[in-house]
Protein backbone atom coordinates (compact mmCIF):
# COMPACT_ATOMS: atom_id res chain seq x y z
CA MET A 1 -3.83 19.36 -15.72
CA ASN A 2 -2.98 18.25 -19.27
CA THR A 3 -1.96 14.53 -18.91
CA PRO A 4 0.40 13.29 -21.50
CA GLY A 5 -1.97 11.55 -24.02
CA SER A 6 -2.85 8.25 -23.37
CA GLU A 7 0.59 6.77 -22.70
CA SER A 8 -0.66 5.09 -20.02
CA SER A 9 0.97 1.73 -21.26
CA THR A 10 3.57 -0.24 -18.34
CA GLU A 11 6.30 0.31 -20.90
CA ALA A 12 5.94 3.95 -21.41
CA LYS A 13 8.14 6.04 -19.56
CA PRO A 14 7.13 8.01 -16.31
CA VAL A 15 6.68 11.84 -16.56
CA VAL A 16 9.81 13.95 -15.07
CA VAL A 17 8.68 16.28 -12.51
CA LYS A 18 10.80 18.76 -10.96
CA LYS A 19 10.57 20.32 -7.69
CA TYR A 20 11.59 24.03 -7.19
CA ALA A 21 12.71 25.63 -4.45
CA ASN A 22 9.60 27.48 -3.87
CA ARG A 23 7.97 24.22 -3.86
CA ARG A 24 6.22 24.48 -7.35
CA LEU A 25 6.22 21.16 -9.12
CA TYR A 26 7.03 21.46 -12.93
CA ASN A 27 5.57 18.81 -15.41
CA THR A 28 8.28 18.58 -17.91
CA ALA A 29 6.07 16.27 -20.57
CA THR A 30 3.14 19.16 -20.54
CA SER A 31 5.86 21.96 -19.68
CA SER A 32 3.12 23.44 -16.97
CA TYR A 33 3.14 23.57 -13.15
CA VAL A 34 0.83 21.24 -11.38
CA THR A 35 -0.16 20.80 -7.75
CA LEU A 36 -0.29 17.49 -5.83
CA GLU A 37 -3.56 17.02 -6.37
CA ASP A 38 -2.94 16.88 -10.37
CA LEU A 39 -0.38 14.57 -9.56
CA ALA A 40 -2.98 12.55 -7.21
CA LYS A 41 -5.40 12.35 -10.50
CA MET A 42 -2.15 11.07 -12.64
CA ILE A 43 -2.06 8.30 -10.39
CA LYS A 44 -5.55 7.49 -10.42
CA ASP A 45 -5.47 7.86 -14.46
CA GLY A 46 -3.06 4.94 -14.91
CA GLY A 47 -0.15 7.49 -15.35
CA ASP A 48 3.27 7.21 -13.56
CA PHE A 49 6.00 10.26 -12.72
CA ILE A 50 9.47 10.71 -10.77
CA VAL A 51 10.38 13.59 -9.02
CA HIS A 52 13.37 15.51 -9.34
CA ASP A 53 14.81 18.41 -7.17
CA ALA A 54 15.66 21.00 -9.92
CA LYS A 55 18.83 22.39 -7.91
CA THR A 56 20.54 18.93 -7.11
CA GLY A 57 18.70 16.73 -9.32
CA GLU A 58 18.12 14.16 -6.33
CA ASP A 59 15.29 11.86 -7.15
CA ILE A 60 12.53 12.96 -4.25
CA THR A 61 9.34 10.85 -5.57
CA ARG A 62 9.07 9.21 -2.34
CA SER A 63 8.81 12.41 -0.62
CA VAL A 64 6.10 13.69 -2.47
CA LEU A 65 4.07 10.70 -2.79
CA THR A 66 4.12 10.95 0.76
CA GLN A 67 3.10 14.50 0.64
CA ILE A 68 0.38 13.52 -1.74
CA ILE A 69 -1.00 10.59 1.00
CA VAL A 70 -0.63 13.39 3.95
CA GLU A 71 -2.96 15.63 1.68
CA GLN A 72 -5.57 13.19 0.87
CA GLU A 73 -6.01 12.45 4.41
CA GLN A 74 -6.31 15.96 5.73
CA LYS A 75 -9.28 16.15 2.98
CA GLY A 76 -11.03 13.67 4.82
CA GLN A 77 -10.31 10.92 2.67
CA ASN A 78 -8.86 8.67 5.42
CA LEU A 79 -7.59 5.37 3.73
CA LEU A 80 -4.93 4.66 6.81
CA PRO A 81 -6.49 3.62 10.21
CA ILE A 82 -4.46 5.49 13.31
CA SER A 83 -3.80 2.12 14.72
CA PHE A 84 -2.11 0.84 11.34
CA LEU A 85 -0.01 4.30 11.59
CA ARG A 86 1.02 4.03 14.62
CA GLN A 87 2.09 0.43 13.85
CA LEU A 88 3.79 1.37 11.25
CA ILE A 89 5.62 4.38 12.94
CA GLY A 90 6.83 1.17 16.00
CA PHE A 91 8.93 -0.45 13.20
CA TYR A 92 11.15 2.90 11.97
CA GLY A 93 14.57 1.15 13.91
CA ASP A 94 13.15 -2.10 14.65
CA SER A 95 15.54 -4.93 13.36
CA MET A 96 12.11 -6.51 11.72
CA GLN A 97 11.88 -3.07 9.41
CA PHE A 98 13.66 -4.58 6.19
CA LEU A 99 10.52 -6.71 5.97
CA VAL A 100 7.63 -4.27 6.40
CA PRO A 101 8.39 -2.96 2.72
CA GLY A 102 7.87 -6.18 1.16
CA TYR A 103 5.12 -7.26 3.12
CA LEU A 104 3.03 -4.22 2.38
CA GLU A 105 3.49 -4.63 -1.38
CA GLN A 106 2.30 -8.03 -1.73
CA ALA A 107 -0.26 -7.52 1.06
CA MET A 108 -1.21 -4.22 -1.85
CA VAL A 109 -1.05 -6.14 -4.84
CA SER A 110 -3.85 -8.77 -3.37
CA PHE A 111 -6.00 -6.39 -2.44
CA ALA A 112 -5.83 -5.38 -5.47
CA ARG A 113 -6.43 -8.34 -7.11
CA ASN A 114 -9.71 -8.74 -5.12
CA GLN A 115 -10.47 -4.97 -6.25
CA ASP A 116 -10.01 -6.23 -10.08
CA GLN A 117 -12.33 -8.85 -9.70
CA MET A 118 -15.04 -6.94 -7.98
CA ARG A 119 -14.79 -4.44 -10.92
CA ASP A 120 -15.24 -7.53 -13.06
CA THR A 121 -18.31 -8.43 -11.31
CA LEU A 122 -19.95 -5.15 -11.46
CA ARG A 123 -19.72 -5.37 -14.97
CA SER A 124 -21.14 -8.84 -15.61
CA THR A 125 -23.66 -8.09 -13.19
CA PHE A 126 -24.46 -4.38 -13.90
CA GLY A 127 -27.92 -3.64 -12.68
CA MET A 128 -28.19 -6.21 -10.02
CA LEU A 129 -25.01 -5.95 -8.10
CA PRO A 130 -24.99 -6.99 -4.81
CA PHE A 131 -23.22 -4.45 -2.68
CA GLY A 132 -23.27 -6.47 0.49
CA PRO A 133 -20.75 -8.71 -0.21
CA PHE A 134 -18.32 -6.53 -1.82
CA GLU A 135 -18.34 -4.07 1.31
CA GLU A 136 -17.82 -6.80 3.49
CA MET A 137 -14.89 -8.27 1.67
CA GLY A 138 -12.88 -4.96 2.26
CA LYS A 139 -13.75 -4.32 5.58
CA GLN A 140 -12.53 -8.35 5.70
CA ASN A 141 -9.57 -7.58 3.57
CA MET A 142 -8.75 -4.03 6.36
CA ALA A 143 -9.12 -6.34 9.08
CA LEU A 144 -6.65 -9.23 8.16
CA PHE A 145 -4.05 -6.83 7.37
CA GLU A 146 -4.64 -4.59 10.32
CA GLN A 147 -4.33 -8.23 12.24
CA THR A 148 -1.39 -9.28 11.07
CA MET A 149 0.65 -6.03 11.24
CA LYS A 150 -0.43 -6.30 15.23
CA MET A 151 0.77 -9.46 15.52
CA LEU A 152 4.19 -7.85 13.48
CA SER A 153 4.17 -5.27 15.82
CA PRO A 154 6.96 -4.68 18.04
CA PHE A 155 4.29 -3.03 21.11
CA ALA A 156 2.81 -6.33 20.65
CA ARG A 157 6.19 -8.44 21.26
CA ALA A 158 7.10 -6.49 23.97
CA ASN A 159 3.29 -7.15 25.77
CA GLY A 160 3.28 -10.99 26.42
CA ALA A 161 -0.06 -10.86 27.19
CA ASN A 162 -1.53 -9.53 23.32
CA GLU A 163 1.32 -11.85 21.87
CA THR A 164 -0.11 -14.34 19.31
CA PRO A 165 1.11 -17.69 20.34
CA VAL A 166 3.77 -18.76 18.35
CA PRO A 167 2.29 -21.76 15.83
CA THR A 168 3.69 -25.42 17.45
CA GLY A 169 5.68 -27.30 14.90
CA PRO A 170 9.36 -28.37 14.76
CA ALA A 171 12.26 -26.65 16.53
CA PRO A 172 13.59 -24.00 14.40
CA ALA A 173 17.06 -24.86 13.37
CA ALA A 174 19.84 -23.81 14.48
CA GLY A 175 20.71 -20.20 13.61
CA GLU A 176 17.45 -19.67 12.36
CA ASP A 177 15.29 -16.53 13.72
CA PRO A 178 12.34 -18.05 14.81
CA ARG A 179 10.51 -14.72 14.30
CA LEU A 180 11.42 -15.02 10.42
CA LYS A 181 9.91 -18.42 10.59
CA ARG A 182 6.51 -16.63 12.26
CA LEU A 183 6.19 -14.11 9.73
CA GLU A 184 6.71 -16.46 6.74
CA THR A 185 3.40 -18.69 8.46
CA GLN A 186 1.23 -15.35 9.08
CA LEU A 187 1.93 -14.50 5.56
CA GLU A 188 1.29 -17.61 4.28
CA ALA A 189 -2.02 -18.00 5.90
CA LEU A 190 -2.75 -14.31 5.07
CA THR A 191 -2.46 -15.18 1.14
CA LYS A 192 -4.39 -17.79 1.71
CA GLN A 193 -7.57 -16.21 3.91
CA LEU A 194 -7.41 -13.69 1.02
CA ASP A 195 -7.56 -16.46 -1.83
CA ALA A 196 -10.59 -17.43 -0.15
CA LEU A 197 -12.16 -14.30 -0.08
CA THR A 198 -11.26 -14.03 -3.90
CA LYS A 199 -13.17 -17.45 -4.71
CA LYS A 200 -16.10 -16.32 -2.66
CA SER A 201 -17.02 -13.49 -4.78
C-alpha cells in the first residue's frame, strides 16, 4: 500500500477511507483499494485514518479498527488474554461501563510510556541489551492490568470470596458512590506501580 508520504505528524489530517457495500476499502489519499492489513500497517507506521460508509457517510472507524484487531488475533498475534476479553464483555451494560474507556486509555498511555523508555534504553545500550528486565517489565505491566480489571469486574463483585477488600479509611460522604472511590484508589495504586516499574528500567 502506498501510504501518503511521510506526513505522520500529529497535526496532519487523518486519511479518509471509504467502505463500500462490497466491503472493499478505498483510500482516498492514494486513490487505491486497501485491505485491513494495509490499514494496520498504516497505524504501525504512525499514520491515522477515519473510515466512512461510502453510501451513508456514517463514521464507522470504530468498527473497522475492531475488525483489524480481530484479524490480527486470528493470525495468532494474540495480545488480548481470554480472561481480559471475558471481563471486558462483562462490563457492557454494567453501571460502571462509562468508566472503562477512560481507564483503558490511561492504562495504555502508561504502558506506552514504559515502551518508549525501553526503546531509549535499547538505543543507549546497543550491543549490551539486558533483555530479561524488559521482558519481566512487560509481564508485570500486563499482570497489573489484568489484576485491576478483575477488581473492577462485575463477576468479581458478585463473588464475595474473590472480591478485593475495600481499603480502610474514612466513610464516604453521603451520596458518594463507594465504588467510585474504590476505583479512584485502585487507579492511583496502579499508576504508582507502573511509575515504579518505569524507574527500575
